[in-house]
Amino acid sequence: MEAELKSLEQKINHCVELCQRLRVSNQELRQQLASALNQNRHLEEKIGGAASRLESLLNQIPEDGA
């Protein structure tokens, strides 16, 4: 009986350690995701600005009279 309890205690401790590692890993992944989303928004803004400037330049090109 004592050996079974000791084995169960070890399994529970292992599960607790795994849960703690997964919790830390999950938090790191959430931070990475937030960073990636912010970077994506920034790049979308840059692309939008570049597209606007390109459209403005295209509108300045005279149309061909042919």
C-alpha atoms as a PDB file:
ATOM      1  CA  MET A   1       0.000   0.000   0.000  1.00  0.00           C
ATOM      2  CA  GLU A   2       2.836   2.383   0.868  1.00  0.00           C
ATOM      3  CA  ALA A   3       4.531   1.746  -2.489  1.00  0.00           C
ATOM      4  CA  GLU A   4       1.284   2.447  -4.355  1.00  0.00           C
ATOM      5  CA  LEU A   5       0.830   5.737  -2.514  1.00  0.00           C
ATOM      6  CA  LYS A   6       4.432   6.711  -3.222  1.00  0.00           C
ATOM      7  CA  SER A   7       3.947   5.896  -6.914  1.00  0.00           C
ATOM      8  CA  LEU A   8       0.731   7.909  -7.009  1.00  0.00           C
ATOM      9  CA  GLU A   9       2.473  10.831  -5.294  1.00  0.00           C
ATOM     10  CA  GLN A  10       5.251  10.752  -7.900  1.00  0.00           C
ATOM     11  CA  LYS A  11       2.723  10.691 -10.730  1.00  0.00           C
ATOM     12  CA  ILE A  12       0.835  13.608  -9.215  1.00  0.00           C
ATOM     13  CA  ASN A  13       4.071  15.567  -8.776  1.00  0.00           C
ATOM     14  CA  HIS A  14       4.986  14.842 -12.376  1.00  0.00           C
ATOM     15  CA  CYS A  15       1.566  16.089 -13.522  1.00  0.00           C
ATOM     16  CA  VAL A  16       1.932  19.256 -11.447  1.00  0.00           C
ATOM     17  CA  GLU A  17       5.385  19.947 -12.912  1.00  0.00           C
ATOM     18  CA  LEU A  18       4.103  19.330 -16.425  1.00  0.00           C
ATOM     19  CA  CYS A  19       1.158  21.651 -15.814  1.00  0.00           C
ATOM     20  CA  GLN A  20       3.496  24.384 -14.577  1.00  0.00           C
ATOM     21  CA  ARG A  21       5.789  24.011 -17.610  1.00  0.00           C
ATOM     22  CA  LEU A  22       2.799  24.090 -19.958  1.00  0.00           C
ATOM     23  CA  ARG A  23       1.460  27.185 -18.212  1.00  0.00           C
ATOM     24  CA  VAL A  24       4.796  28.976 -18.708  1.00  0.00           C
ATOM     25  CA  SER A  25       4.987  27.815 -22.307  1.00  0.00           C
ATOM     26  CA  ASN A  26       1.423  28.974 -22.930  1.00  0.00           C
ATOM     27  CA  GLN A  27       2.221  32.420 -21.518  1.00  0.00           C
ATOM     28  CA  GLU A  28       5.295  32.679 -23.756  1.00  0.00           C
ATOM     29  CA  LEU A  29       3.214  31.689 -26.774  1.00  0.00           C
ATOM     30  CA  ARG A  30       0.590  34.293 -25.886  1.00  0.00           C
ATOM     31  CA  GLN A  31       3.302  36.956 -25.722  1.00  0.00           C
ATOM     32  CA  GLN A  32       4.747  35.826 -29.054  1.00  0.00           C
ATOM     33  CA  LEU A  33       1.290  35.913 -30.609  1.00  0.00           C
ATOM     34  CA  ALA A  34       0.634  39.426 -29.301  1.00  0.00           C
ATOM     35  CA  SER A  35       3.977  40.570 -30.670  1.00  0.00           C
ATOM     36  CA  ALA A  36       3.293  38.964 -34.056  1.00  0.00           C
ATOM     37  CA  LEU A  37      -0.162  40.569 -34.217  1.00  0.00           C
ATOM     38  CA  ASN A  38       1.299  43.989 -33.427  1.00  0.00           C
ATOM     39  CA  GLN A  39       3.978  43.539 -36.057  1.00  0.00           C
ATOM     40  CA  ASN A  40       1.325  42.419 -38.555  1.00  0.00           C
ATOM     41  CA  ARG A  41      -0.760  45.548 -37.859  1.00  0.00           C
ATOM     42  CA  HIS A  42       2.308  47.731 -38.314  1.00  0.00           C
ATOM     43  CA  LEU A  43       3.153  46.057 -41.626  1.00  0.00           C
ATOM     44  CA  GLU A  44      -0.449  46.395 -42.819  1.00  0.00           C
ATOM     45  CA  GLU A  45      -0.279  50.124 -42.076  1.00  0.00           C
ATOM     46  CA  LYS A  46       2.987  50.411 -44.018  1.00  0.00           C
ATOM     47  CA  ILE A  47       1.507  48.503 -46.958  1.00  0.00           C
ATOM     48  CA  GLY A  48      -1.593  50.701 -46.892  1.00  0.00           C
ATOM     49  CA  GLY A  49       0.553  53.851 -46.915  1.00  0.00           C
ATOM     50  CA  ALA A  50       2.696  52.522 -49.758  1.00  0.00           C
ATOM     51  CA  ALA A  51      -0.421  51.584 -51.743  1.00  0.00           C
ATOM     52  CA  SER A  52      -1.834  55.093 -51.259  1.00  0.00           C
ATOM     53  CA  ARG A  53       1.420  56.697 -52.391  1.00  0.00           C
ATOM     54  CA  LEU A  54       1.594  54.381 -55.394  1.00  0.00           C
ATOM     55  CA  GLU A  55      -1.997  55.172 -56.343  1.00  0.00           C
ATOM     56  CA  SER A  56      -1.245  58.884 -56.044  1.00  0.00           C
ATOM     57  CA  LEU A  57       1.797  58.532 -58.300  1.00  0.00           C
ATOM     58  CA  LEU A  58      -0.194  56.507 -60.838  1.00  0.00           C
ATOM     59  CA  ASN A  59      -2.857  59.202 -60.925  1.00  0.00           C
ATOM     60  CA  GLN A  60      -0.171  61.773 -61.784  1.00  0.00           C
ATOM     61  CA  ILE A  61       0.951  59.863 -64.896  1.00  0.00           C
ATOM     62  CA  PRO A  62      -0.648  61.411 -67.956  1.00  0.00           C
ATOM     63  CA  GLU A  63      -2.994  59.162 -69.870  1.00  0.00           C
ATOM     64  CA  ASP A  64      -1.931  58.043 -73.311  1.00  0.00           C
ATOM     65  CA  GLY A  65      -3.827  59.941 -76.006  1.00  0.00           C
ATOM     66  CA  ALA A  66      -3.885  56.993 -78.411  1.00  0.00           C
END
